[in-house]
Amino acid sequence: MASTANASTSDKVTVLTADLVLSQWQGHRRLTRRVIEAFPEDKLFSFSVGGMRPFSELAMEFVKMAEPIVRGVATGKWAAFGSSAWPDTKAALLALWDKATEEIDAVWPTIPAHRFAEVDKAFGQWENSGIGTILYAIDNEIHHRGKEYVYLRALGIDPPAFYDRS
């Protein structure tokens, strides 16, 4: 096996392209959407375990974050965090989710390649590179979705398979 200790810069390989990052993220979003669908509507806005926020609040955090992050990375202009309307039904939450997904898909191709490496202060709060901010949004969704698996199990509901992002 060859040593990589002396590998030159030209030997480095790009593992993920922008399109692959988007594909992975949208896979996570499809899974999170299925978790929202699995959640009983009468518990969506009120049920919590151990003082954690109800699922609706966590899902809205994703909605308020996802498309505005993509738009901010694309343009360098950051809207105020949390400007989305608050839903009062599961159907309204899913509609907001679907709209954000469509907007992510529409804006993503407009991100200039250099913007992934440029550092911004997202929402005037979080300083990071464009890709770092995008990865934060993905990690945040995965982290909170884990809580929703606990909620569903506490309600006696089998959650969707965590590995099925189709």
Protein backbone atom coordinates (compact mmCIF):
# COMPACT_ATOMS: atom_id res chain seq x y z
CA MET A 1 0.00 0.00 0.00
CA ALA A 2 1.42 3.36 -1.04
CA SER A 3 1.95 6.05 1.54
CA THR A 4 -0.03 9.26 1.15
CA ALA A 5 2.26 11.23 3.46
CA ASN A 6 4.17 12.65 0.48
CA ALA A 7 1.16 13.09 -1.83
CA SER A 8 1.25 16.36 -3.73
CA THR A 9 -1.65 18.76 -3.95
CA SER A 10 -2.35 17.54 -7.49
CA ASP A 11 -2.99 14.05 -6.09
CA LYS A 12 -6.00 15.22 -4.03
CA VAL A 13 -9.42 14.05 -5.11
CA THR A 14 -12.70 15.93 -4.98
CA VAL A 15 -15.06 13.69 -3.08
CA LEU A 16 -18.26 15.71 -3.21
CA THR A 17 -19.42 18.14 -5.84
CA ALA A 18 -22.00 20.83 -5.20
CA ASP A 19 -24.58 18.65 -6.95
CA LEU A 20 -23.77 15.69 -4.69
CA VAL A 21 -24.07 17.87 -1.56
CA LEU A 22 -27.50 19.01 -2.74
CA SER A 23 -28.51 15.44 -3.55
CA GLN A 24 -27.51 14.24 -0.08
CA TRP A 25 -29.28 17.16 1.60
CA GLN A 26 -32.46 16.62 -0.37
CA GLY A 27 -32.32 12.94 0.63
CA HIS A 28 -32.27 14.03 4.26
CA ARG A 29 -35.12 16.44 3.60
CA ARG A 30 -37.20 13.66 2.03
CA LEU A 31 -36.63 11.53 5.13
CA THR A 32 -37.50 14.39 7.48
CA ARG A 33 -40.68 14.99 5.48
CA ARG A 34 -41.67 11.34 6.01
CA VAL A 35 -41.08 11.80 9.74
CA ILE A 36 -43.40 14.84 9.69
CA GLU A 37 -46.00 12.75 7.83
CA ALA A 38 -45.70 9.97 10.44
CA PHE A 39 -46.29 12.33 13.34
CA PRO A 40 -49.87 12.45 14.68
CA GLU A 41 -51.34 15.86 13.98
CA ASP A 42 -52.81 16.13 17.48
CA LYS A 43 -49.27 15.77 18.93
CA LEU A 44 -47.26 17.69 16.30
CA PHE A 45 -47.57 21.07 18.00
CA SER A 46 -47.56 19.98 21.65
CA PHE A 47 -45.82 16.66 22.36
CA SER A 48 -42.36 16.76 23.87
CA VAL A 49 -40.07 14.58 25.92
CA GLY A 50 -37.78 15.82 28.66
CA GLY A 51 -38.45 19.48 28.03
CA MET A 52 -37.40 19.38 24.36
CA ARG A 53 -39.33 21.53 21.89
CA PRO A 54 -42.34 20.09 20.05
CA PHE A 55 -41.60 18.66 16.62
CA SER A 56 -43.42 21.50 14.85
CA GLU A 57 -40.94 24.01 16.31
CA LEU A 58 -37.97 21.94 15.19
CA ALA A 59 -39.39 21.42 11.70
CA MET A 60 -40.03 25.16 11.39
CA GLU A 61 -36.44 25.82 12.41
CA PHE A 62 -35.40 23.77 9.36
CA VAL A 63 -37.85 25.66 7.14
CA LYS A 64 -36.64 29.04 8.41
CA MET A 65 -33.04 28.02 7.86
CA ALA A 66 -32.74 25.91 4.70
CA GLU A 67 -33.78 28.05 1.75
CA PRO A 68 -32.52 31.31 3.30
CA ILE A 69 -29.09 29.70 3.77
CA VAL A 70 -28.96 28.60 0.14
CA ARG A 71 -30.05 32.07 -0.99
CA GLY A 72 -27.54 33.73 1.34
CA VAL A 73 -24.70 31.57 0.10
CA ALA A 74 -25.73 32.27 -3.50
CA THR A 75 -25.99 36.05 -3.12
CA GLY A 76 -24.11 37.10 0.01
CA LYS A 77 -27.33 38.78 1.17
CA TRP A 78 -28.89 37.39 4.32
CA ALA A 79 -32.56 37.84 5.21
CA ALA A 80 -33.55 38.05 8.85
CA PHE A 81 -33.62 34.61 10.46
CA GLY A 82 -37.08 33.22 11.18
CA SER A 83 -39.23 35.19 8.78
CA SER A 84 -41.46 32.26 7.72
CA ALA A 85 -45.16 32.18 8.62
CA TRP A 86 -46.11 29.78 11.40
CA PRO A 87 -48.37 26.87 10.36
CA ASP A 88 -51.19 25.55 12.51
CA THR A 89 -51.78 22.20 10.76
CA LYS A 90 -49.61 19.37 9.51
CA ALA A 91 -50.78 20.08 5.95
CA ALA A 92 -49.64 23.71 6.26
CA LEU A 93 -46.28 22.62 7.66
CA LEU A 94 -45.79 20.14 4.80
CA ALA A 95 -46.74 22.84 2.28
CA LEU A 96 -44.07 25.15 3.73
CA TRP A 97 -41.61 22.24 3.66
CA ASP A 98 -42.37 21.50 0.00
CA LYS A 99 -42.12 25.16 -0.98
CA ALA A 100 -38.71 25.43 0.71
CA THR A 101 -37.56 22.27 -1.09
CA GLU A 102 -38.58 23.72 -4.46
CA GLU A 103 -36.83 27.00 -3.67
CA ILE A 104 -33.64 25.19 -2.63
CA ASP A 105 -33.66 23.32 -5.94
CA ALA A 106 -34.25 26.56 -7.87
CA VAL A 107 -31.60 28.67 -6.10
CA TRP A 108 -28.88 26.02 -5.68
CA PRO A 109 -27.66 26.12 -9.32
CA THR A 110 -27.15 29.89 -9.01
CA ILE A 111 -24.50 29.54 -6.29
CA PRO A 112 -21.20 30.64 -7.82
CA ALA A 113 -18.46 28.08 -7.07
CA HIS A 114 -16.34 30.60 -5.15
CA ARG A 115 -19.20 31.31 -2.73
CA PHE A 116 -18.86 27.85 -1.15
CA ALA A 117 -15.43 28.89 0.21
CA GLU A 118 -16.22 32.53 1.04
CA VAL A 119 -16.89 33.39 4.66
CA ASP A 120 -20.09 35.24 5.55
CA LYS A 121 -21.93 35.97 8.76
CA ALA A 122 -25.17 34.08 8.09
CA PHE A 123 -28.20 35.91 9.46
CA GLY A 124 -25.74 38.33 11.09
CA GLN A 125 -24.99 35.58 13.65
CA TRP A 126 -22.93 32.64 12.36
CA GLU A 127 -19.60 33.23 10.67
CA ASN A 128 -18.56 30.38 8.42
CA SER A 129 -17.77 29.48 4.83
CA GLY A 130 -20.72 28.93 2.53
CA ILE A 131 -20.23 25.17 2.54
CA GLY A 132 -19.76 25.24 6.32
CA THR A 133 -23.07 27.02 6.77
CA ILE A 134 -24.82 24.58 4.43
CA LEU A 135 -23.34 21.61 6.29
CA TYR A 136 -24.47 23.17 9.57
CA ALA A 137 -28.06 23.26 8.25
CA ILE A 138 -27.82 19.60 7.23
CA ASP A 139 -26.28 18.56 10.56
CA ASN A 140 -28.89 20.56 12.48
CA GLU A 141 -31.71 18.79 10.64
CA ILE A 142 -30.19 15.34 11.26
CA HIS A 143 -29.60 16.14 14.93
CA HIS A 144 -33.16 17.29 15.55
CA ARG A 145 -34.66 14.51 13.42
CA GLY A 146 -33.09 12.08 15.91
CA LYS A 147 -35.24 13.68 18.61
CA GLU A 148 -38.29 13.10 16.46
CA TYR A 149 -37.46 9.40 16.28
CA VAL A 150 -37.52 9.37 20.08
CA TYR A 151 -40.86 11.22 20.06
CA LEU A 152 -42.40 8.79 17.58
CA ARG A 153 -41.19 5.77 19.56
CA ALA A 154 -42.53 7.33 22.78
CA LEU A 155 -45.89 7.61 21.01
CA GLY A 156 -45.73 3.93 19.99
CA ILE A 157 -45.07 4.72 16.31
CA ASP A 158 -42.31 3.06 14.28
CA PRO A 159 -40.38 5.84 12.55
CA PRO A 160 -39.25 5.64 8.93
CA ALA A 161 -35.95 3.82 8.38
CA PHE A 162 -33.20 6.36 9.09
CA TYR A 163 -31.11 5.12 6.19
CA ASP A 164 -33.84 5.38 3.54
CA ARG A 165 -33.43 8.83 2.03
CA SER A 166 -35.05 7.96 -1.29
